[in-house]
Amino acid sequence: MENSFLAHLGGAFIYSENPEPLVGWYAKMLGINWESVPDGSAWYISLSYNDIHSGKKAYAGLSIIRSKKKIVRSEGKHFMINYRIKDLEKLVAHLHSNNVEVKGIDDYPEGKFAWCKDPEGNELELWEDTTLN
């Protein structure tokens, strides 16, 4: 059966009851330069890429959005966002100097990986793609 509706990542959304400190943490720890919507309810970055099927420029987004209801984390339901990193050793040293616990650095054929959590317990995977070097 041919799949005529191939899905692509459109974006990742992190919901937070108190997003301002979380936005600041990502800016300080990962250097993300957020833009905000006029009412201050969401912060975002747009990431461009060339779509492999159409060859056209496309976008994916990463957002931190103010949650209107209490977020309940349940066991067994987890997600992790992977961030591409230019210099993983340098970033890990920066995170350690800011008292962020980091697991790794592990080497795999596709690159170097490390893992940490943001202040709200969301899991992050940090990836330096060494195949590009």
N, C-alpha and C. Protein backbone atom coordinates (compact mmCIF):
# COMPACT_ATOMS: atom_id res chain seq x y z
N MET A 1 0.84 -1.18 0.00
CA MET A 1 0.00 0.00 0.00
C MET A 1 0.88 1.24 0.00
N GLU A 2 0.68 2.12 -0.93
CA GLU A 2 1.47 3.34 -1.02
C GLU A 2 0.91 4.39 -0.07
N ASN A 3 1.82 5.05 0.63
CA ASN A 3 1.42 6.09 1.57
C ASN A 3 1.47 7.43 0.85
N SER A 4 0.33 8.04 0.62
CA SER A 4 0.28 9.31 -0.11
C SER A 4 0.33 10.52 0.82
N PHE A 5 0.42 10.30 2.11
CA PHE A 5 0.43 11.42 3.05
C PHE A 5 1.65 11.36 3.97
N LEU A 6 2.83 11.26 3.40
CA LEU A 6 4.07 11.16 4.14
C LEU A 6 4.17 12.29 5.17
N ALA A 7 4.34 11.95 6.40
CA ALA A 7 4.40 12.95 7.47
C ALA A 7 5.83 13.46 7.65
N HIS A 8 5.94 14.72 7.99
CA HIS A 8 7.21 15.36 8.30
C HIS A 8 7.05 16.10 9.61
N LEU A 9 8.13 16.35 10.28
CA LEU A 9 8.09 17.11 11.52
C LEU A 9 7.74 18.55 11.20
N GLY A 10 6.68 19.03 11.78
CA GLY A 10 6.30 20.43 11.61
C GLY A 10 6.83 21.29 12.75
N GLY A 11 6.97 20.67 13.91
CA GLY A 11 7.46 21.42 15.04
C GLY A 11 7.39 20.61 16.31
N ALA A 12 8.01 21.14 17.34
CA ALA A 12 7.96 20.55 18.67
C ALA A 12 7.53 21.65 19.62
N PHE A 13 6.64 21.31 20.55
CA PHE A 13 6.06 22.29 21.44
C PHE A 13 6.27 21.87 22.89
N ILE A 14 6.87 22.74 23.65
CA ILE A 14 7.10 22.49 25.07
C ILE A 14 6.11 23.37 25.84
N TYR A 15 5.21 22.75 26.58
CA TYR A 15 4.23 23.49 27.36
C TYR A 15 4.75 23.71 28.77
N SER A 16 4.56 24.93 29.28
CA SER A 16 5.08 25.28 30.59
C SER A 16 4.09 26.20 31.30
N GLU A 17 3.92 25.98 32.60
CA GLU A 17 3.09 26.87 33.40
C GLU A 17 3.81 28.18 33.68
N ASN A 18 5.13 28.16 33.64
CA ASN A 18 5.95 29.35 33.93
C ASN A 18 7.05 29.44 32.86
N PRO A 19 6.69 29.85 31.64
CA PRO A 19 7.63 29.72 30.52
C PRO A 19 8.80 30.70 30.51
N GLU A 20 8.67 31.87 31.12
CA GLU A 20 9.74 32.86 31.02
C GLU A 20 11.09 32.33 31.52
N PRO A 21 11.15 31.71 32.71
CA PRO A 21 12.45 31.16 33.14
C PRO A 21 12.95 30.04 32.23
N LEU A 22 12.04 29.25 31.68
CA LEU A 22 12.43 28.17 30.79
C LEU A 22 13.01 28.72 29.49
N VAL A 23 12.39 29.75 28.94
CA VAL A 23 12.92 30.42 27.75
C VAL A 23 14.32 30.94 28.04
N GLY A 24 14.50 31.57 29.21
CA GLY A 24 15.81 32.08 29.60
C GLY A 24 16.84 30.98 29.74
N TRP A 25 16.45 29.84 30.29
CA TRP A 25 17.36 28.71 30.47
C TRP A 25 17.84 28.22 29.11
N TYR A 26 16.94 28.01 28.17
CA TYR A 26 17.33 27.54 26.84
C TYR A 26 18.21 28.57 26.12
N ALA A 27 17.95 29.84 26.33
CA ALA A 27 18.79 30.88 25.72
C ALA A 27 20.19 30.83 26.31
N LYS A 28 20.27 30.72 27.63
CA LYS A 28 21.58 30.72 28.30
C LYS A 28 22.35 29.43 28.07
N MET A 29 21.67 28.29 28.18
CA MET A 29 22.37 27.01 28.11
C MET A 29 22.65 26.55 26.68
N LEU A 30 21.72 26.79 25.76
CA LEU A 30 21.88 26.29 24.39
C LEU A 30 22.03 27.40 23.35
N GLY A 31 21.94 28.65 23.79
CA GLY A 31 22.12 29.76 22.86
C GLY A 31 20.98 29.95 21.88
N ILE A 32 19.78 29.51 22.26
CA ILE A 32 18.63 29.66 21.37
C ILE A 32 18.12 31.09 21.46
N ASN A 33 18.02 31.75 20.32
CA ASN A 33 17.51 33.12 20.23
C ASN A 33 16.03 33.08 19.89
N TRP A 34 15.20 33.17 20.90
CA TRP A 34 13.76 33.04 20.76
C TRP A 34 13.14 34.33 20.25
N GLU A 35 12.06 34.20 19.51
CA GLU A 35 11.17 35.31 19.19
C GLU A 35 9.91 35.06 20.00
N SER A 36 9.17 36.12 20.30
CA SER A 36 7.94 35.92 21.06
C SER A 36 6.75 36.47 20.29
N VAL A 37 5.59 35.89 20.58
CA VAL A 37 4.36 36.41 20.00
C VAL A 37 3.98 37.66 20.78
N PRO A 38 3.21 38.57 20.19
CA PRO A 38 2.92 39.86 20.84
C PRO A 38 2.30 39.76 22.23
N ASP A 39 1.46 38.77 22.48
CA ASP A 39 0.82 38.70 23.80
C ASP A 39 1.66 37.98 24.85
N GLY A 40 2.86 37.52 24.49
CA GLY A 40 3.75 36.88 25.46
C GLY A 40 3.33 35.48 25.87
N SER A 41 2.49 34.83 25.10
CA SER A 41 2.03 33.49 25.46
C SER A 41 2.88 32.38 24.86
N ALA A 42 3.79 32.73 23.94
CA ALA A 42 4.61 31.72 23.29
C ALA A 42 5.90 32.33 22.78
N TRP A 43 6.94 31.50 22.75
CA TRP A 43 8.24 31.86 22.20
C TRP A 43 8.57 30.80 21.18
N TYR A 44 9.26 31.17 20.11
CA TYR A 44 9.50 30.21 19.04
C TYR A 44 10.77 30.54 18.27
N ILE A 45 11.26 29.52 17.56
CA ILE A 45 12.28 29.69 16.54
C ILE A 45 11.81 28.89 15.33
N SER A 46 12.13 29.39 14.15
CA SER A 46 11.81 28.68 12.92
C SER A 46 13.11 28.18 12.32
N LEU A 47 13.12 26.92 11.94
CA LEU A 47 14.30 26.29 11.40
C LEU A 47 14.03 25.90 9.95
N SER A 48 14.83 26.40 9.03
CA SER A 48 14.59 26.10 7.62
C SER A 48 15.38 24.86 7.19
N TYR A 49 14.86 24.19 6.20
CA TYR A 49 15.52 23.03 5.60
C TYR A 49 15.00 22.87 4.19
N ASN A 50 15.69 22.11 3.38
CA ASN A 50 15.23 21.80 2.03
C ASN A 50 14.47 20.49 2.07
N ASP A 51 13.21 20.53 1.69
CA ASP A 51 12.39 19.33 1.67
C ASP A 51 12.95 18.34 0.67
N ILE A 52 13.17 17.10 1.08
CA ILE A 52 13.82 16.12 0.21
C ILE A 52 12.90 15.66 -0.93
N HIS A 53 11.59 15.84 -0.78
CA HIS A 53 10.68 15.39 -1.83
C HIS A 53 10.42 16.48 -2.87
N SER A 54 10.19 17.70 -2.40
CA SER A 54 9.87 18.77 -3.34
C SER A 54 11.09 19.61 -3.71
N GLY A 55 12.13 19.57 -2.87
CA GLY A 55 13.30 20.41 -3.09
C GLY A 55 13.09 21.85 -2.67
N LYS A 56 11.90 22.17 -2.18
CA LYS A 56 11.58 23.54 -1.77
C LYS A 56 11.99 23.79 -0.33
N LYS A 57 12.21 25.06 -0.02
CA LYS A 57 12.54 25.45 1.35
C LYS A 57 11.30 25.25 2.21
N ALA A 58 11.50 24.63 3.36
CA ALA A 58 10.41 24.38 4.30
C ALA A 58 10.88 24.79 5.70
N TYR A 59 9.97 24.79 6.65
CA TYR A 59 10.30 25.22 8.00
C TYR A 59 9.74 24.25 9.03
N ALA A 60 10.46 24.10 10.10
CA ALA A 60 9.98 23.41 11.29
C ALA A 60 10.16 24.39 12.44
N GLY A 61 9.33 24.26 13.44
CA GLY A 61 9.40 25.20 14.56
C GLY A 61 9.65 24.51 15.88
N LEU A 62 10.22 25.27 16.79
CA LEU A 62 10.36 24.85 18.18
C LEU A 62 9.74 25.96 19.00
N SER A 63 8.81 25.60 19.88
CA SER A 63 8.10 26.61 20.66
C SER A 63 8.04 26.23 22.13
N ILE A 64 8.05 27.25 22.96
CA ILE A 64 7.70 27.11 24.37
C ILE A 64 6.41 27.91 24.53
N ILE A 65 5.37 27.24 25.01
CA ILE A 65 4.03 27.82 25.06
C ILE A 65 3.52 27.81 26.49
N ARG A 66 2.93 28.94 26.90
CA ARG A 66 2.34 29.03 28.23
C ARG A 66 1.14 28.08 28.30
N SER A 67 1.18 27.18 29.28
CA SER A 67 0.10 26.23 29.46
C SER A 67 -0.99 26.87 30.30
N LYS A 68 -2.24 26.67 29.89
CA LYS A 68 -3.36 27.23 30.64
C LYS A 68 -3.86 26.28 31.73
N LYS A 69 -3.32 25.06 31.75
CA LYS A 69 -3.73 24.11 32.77
C LYS A 69 -2.51 23.42 33.35
N LYS A 70 -2.65 22.90 34.54
CA LYS A 70 -1.55 22.23 35.22
C LYS A 70 -1.08 21.04 34.40
N ILE A 71 0.22 20.94 34.22
CA ILE A 71 0.81 19.85 33.46
C ILE A 71 1.08 18.69 34.40
N VAL A 72 0.54 17.52 34.07
CA VAL A 72 0.75 16.33 34.88
C VAL A 72 1.60 15.37 34.07
N ARG A 73 2.76 15.05 34.59
CA ARG A 73 3.64 14.09 33.92
C ARG A 73 3.31 12.69 34.45
N SER A 74 3.04 11.79 33.55
CA SER A 74 2.73 10.42 33.97
C SER A 74 3.89 9.51 33.59
N GLU A 75 4.06 8.47 34.38
CA GLU A 75 5.10 7.49 34.09
C GLU A 75 4.81 6.82 32.76
N GLY A 76 5.85 6.54 32.01
CA GLY A 76 5.69 5.83 30.77
C GLY A 76 5.39 6.71 29.57
N LYS A 77 5.12 7.98 29.79
CA LYS A 77 4.85 8.89 28.68
C LYS A 77 5.95 9.95 28.68
N HIS A 78 6.92 9.76 27.83
CA HIS A 78 8.06 10.67 27.79
C HIS A 78 8.34 11.08 26.36
N PHE A 79 8.99 12.20 26.23
CA PHE A 79 9.51 12.60 24.94
C PHE A 79 10.89 13.18 25.16
N MET A 80 11.65 13.25 24.11
CA MET A 80 12.97 13.84 24.17
C MET A 80 13.17 14.62 22.88
N ILE A 81 13.69 15.82 22.98
CA ILE A 81 14.02 16.60 21.79
C ILE A 81 15.52 16.51 21.59
N ASN A 82 15.92 16.23 20.36
CA ASN A 82 17.33 16.14 19.98
C ASN A 82 17.75 17.50 19.41
N TYR A 83 18.85 18.04 19.96
CA TYR A 83 19.39 19.30 19.48
C TYR A 83 20.74 19.04 18.83
N ARG A 84 20.92 19.54 17.60
CA ARG A 84 22.21 19.42 16.91
C ARG A 84 23.14 20.46 17.50
N ILE A 85 24.34 20.02 17.85
CA ILE A 85 25.32 20.86 18.53
C ILE A 85 26.58 20.94 17.69
N LYS A 86 27.20 22.10 17.66
CA LYS A 86 28.41 22.27 16.86
C LYS A 86 29.64 21.72 17.60
N ASP A 87 29.78 22.00 18.88
CA ASP A 87 30.94 21.58 19.67
C ASP A 87 30.43 21.03 21.00
N LEU A 88 30.21 19.72 21.05
CA LEU A 88 29.57 19.10 22.21
C LEU A 88 30.41 19.23 23.48
N GLU A 89 31.72 19.04 23.38
CA GLU A 89 32.57 19.15 24.57
C GLU A 89 32.46 20.54 25.19
N LYS A 90 32.48 21.56 24.35
CA LYS A 90 32.39 22.94 24.83
C LYS A 90 31.03 23.19 25.49
N LEU A 91 29.95 22.69 24.87
CA LEU A 91 28.62 22.86 25.45
C LEU A 91 28.49 22.12 26.78
N VAL A 92 29.00 20.90 26.85
CA VAL A 92 28.92 20.13 28.10
C VAL A 92 29.68 20.85 29.21
N ALA A 93 30.83 21.41 28.91
CA ALA A 93 31.58 22.19 29.90
C ALA A 93 30.75 23.39 30.36
N HIS A 94 30.09 24.06 29.43
CA HIS A 94 29.24 25.21 29.76
C HIS A 94 28.09 24.77 30.66
N LEU A 95 27.44 23.67 30.33
CA LEU A 95 26.34 23.17 31.15
C LEU A 95 26.83 22.81 32.55
N HIS A 96 27.95 22.10 32.65
CA HIS A 96 28.51 21.75 33.96
C HIS A 96 28.80 23.00 34.78
N SER A 97 29.36 24.04 34.14
CA SER A 97 29.69 25.27 34.87
C SER A 97 28.44 25.99 35.37
N ASN A 98 27.29 25.63 34.83
CA ASN A 98 26.01 26.19 35.28
C ASN A 98 25.20 25.17 36.07
N ASN A 99 25.90 24.18 36.63
CA ASN A 99 25.30 23.18 37.51
C ASN A 99 24.20 22.34 36.87
N VAL A 100 24.34 22.09 35.56
CA VAL A 100 23.41 21.21 34.86
C VAL A 100 24.06 19.83 34.79
N GLU A 101 23.34 18.82 35.29
CA GLU A 101 23.85 17.45 35.25
C GLU A 101 23.74 16.92 33.82
N VAL A 102 24.84 16.38 33.31
CA VAL A 102 24.88 15.88 31.94
C VAL A 102 25.35 14.43 31.97
N LYS A 103 24.64 13.56 31.24
CA LYS A 103 25.05 12.17 31.07
C LYS A 103 25.74 12.05 29.71
N GLY A 104 26.83 11.36 29.65
CA GLY A 104 27.57 11.21 28.39
C GLY A 104 28.77 12.11 28.44
N ILE A 105 29.57 12.08 27.53
CA ILE A 105 29.54 12.11 26.09
C ILE A 105 29.84 10.69 25.58
N ASP A 106 28.95 10.18 24.75
CA ASP A 106 29.11 8.86 24.17
C ASP A 106 29.34 8.99 22.67
N ASP A 107 30.26 8.16 22.15
CA ASP A 107 30.57 8.17 20.72
C ASP A 107 29.85 7.02 20.02
N TYR A 108 29.21 7.35 18.90
CA TYR A 108 28.54 6.38 18.05
C TYR A 108 28.96 6.67 16.61
N PRO A 109 28.72 5.77 15.68
CA PRO A 109 29.11 6.02 14.29
C PRO A 109 28.50 7.31 13.72
N GLU A 110 27.30 7.68 14.18
CA GLU A 110 26.66 8.89 13.66
C GLU A 110 26.99 10.16 14.44
N GLY A 111 27.84 10.03 15.46
CA GLY A 111 28.26 11.24 16.17
C GLY A 111 28.42 11.05 17.66
N LYS A 112 28.59 12.18 18.33
CA LYS A 112 28.73 12.20 19.80
C LYS A 112 27.40 12.64 20.40
N PHE A 113 27.05 12.01 21.54
CA PHE A 113 25.78 12.29 22.19
C PHE A 113 25.98 12.53 23.68
N ALA A 114 25.15 13.40 24.23
CA ALA A 114 25.06 13.62 25.67
C ALA A 114 23.59 13.92 25.97
N TRP A 115 23.21 13.80 27.24
CA TRP A 115 21.82 13.97 27.63
C TRP A 115 21.74 14.78 28.91
N CYS A 116 20.70 15.61 29.02
CA CYS A 116 20.45 16.37 30.23
C CYS A 116 18.96 16.67 30.30
N LYS A 117 18.56 17.39 31.34
CA LYS A 117 17.17 17.81 31.50
C LYS A 117 17.12 19.32 31.69
N ASP A 118 16.03 19.92 31.20
CA ASP A 118 15.83 21.34 31.46
C ASP A 118 15.27 21.50 32.87
N PRO A 119 15.09 22.73 33.37
CA PRO A 119 14.61 22.92 34.74
C PRO A 119 13.23 22.32 35.04
N GLU A 120 12.45 22.03 34.01
CA GLU A 120 11.13 21.43 34.24
C GLU A 120 11.13 19.92 34.06
N GLY A 121 12.31 19.34 33.86
CA GLY A 121 12.42 17.89 33.76
C GLY A 121 12.26 17.34 32.36
N ASN A 122 12.14 18.19 31.33
CA ASN A 122 12.07 17.73 29.95
C ASN A 122 13.44 17.22 29.53
N GLU A 123 13.47 16.07 28.89
CA GLU A 123 14.74 15.45 28.50
C GLU A 123 15.25 16.01 27.18
N LEU A 124 16.57 16.26 27.14
CA LEU A 124 17.23 16.78 25.94
C LEU A 124 18.32 15.82 25.53
N GLU A 125 18.42 15.58 24.23
CA GLU A 125 19.55 14.84 23.68
C GLU A 125 20.37 15.83 22.88
N LEU A 126 21.66 15.87 23.15
CA LEU A 126 22.58 16.78 22.48
C LEU A 126 23.43 15.95 21.53
N TRP A 127 23.46 16.34 20.27
CA TRP A 127 24.10 15.53 19.24
C TRP A 127 25.04 16.37 18.40
N GLU A 128 26.31 15.97 18.37
CA GLU A 128 27.27 16.56 17.44
C GLU A 128 27.45 15.56 16.31
N ASP A 129 27.01 15.93 15.12
CA ASP A 129 27.10 15.04 13.96
C ASP A 129 28.55 15.05 13.44
N THR A 130 29.33 14.08 13.89
CA THR A 130 30.75 14.02 13.49
C THR A 130 30.94 13.47 12.08
N THR A 131 29.86 12.99 11.45
CA THR A 131 29.99 12.51 10.08
C THR A 131 30.15 13.67 9.10
N LEU A 132 29.86 14.89 9.54
CA LEU A 132 29.98 16.06 8.68
C LEU A 132 31.38 16.65 8.68
N ASN A 133 32.21 16.23 9.62
CA ASN A 133 33.56 16.80 9.75
C ASN A 133 34.50 16.28 8.67
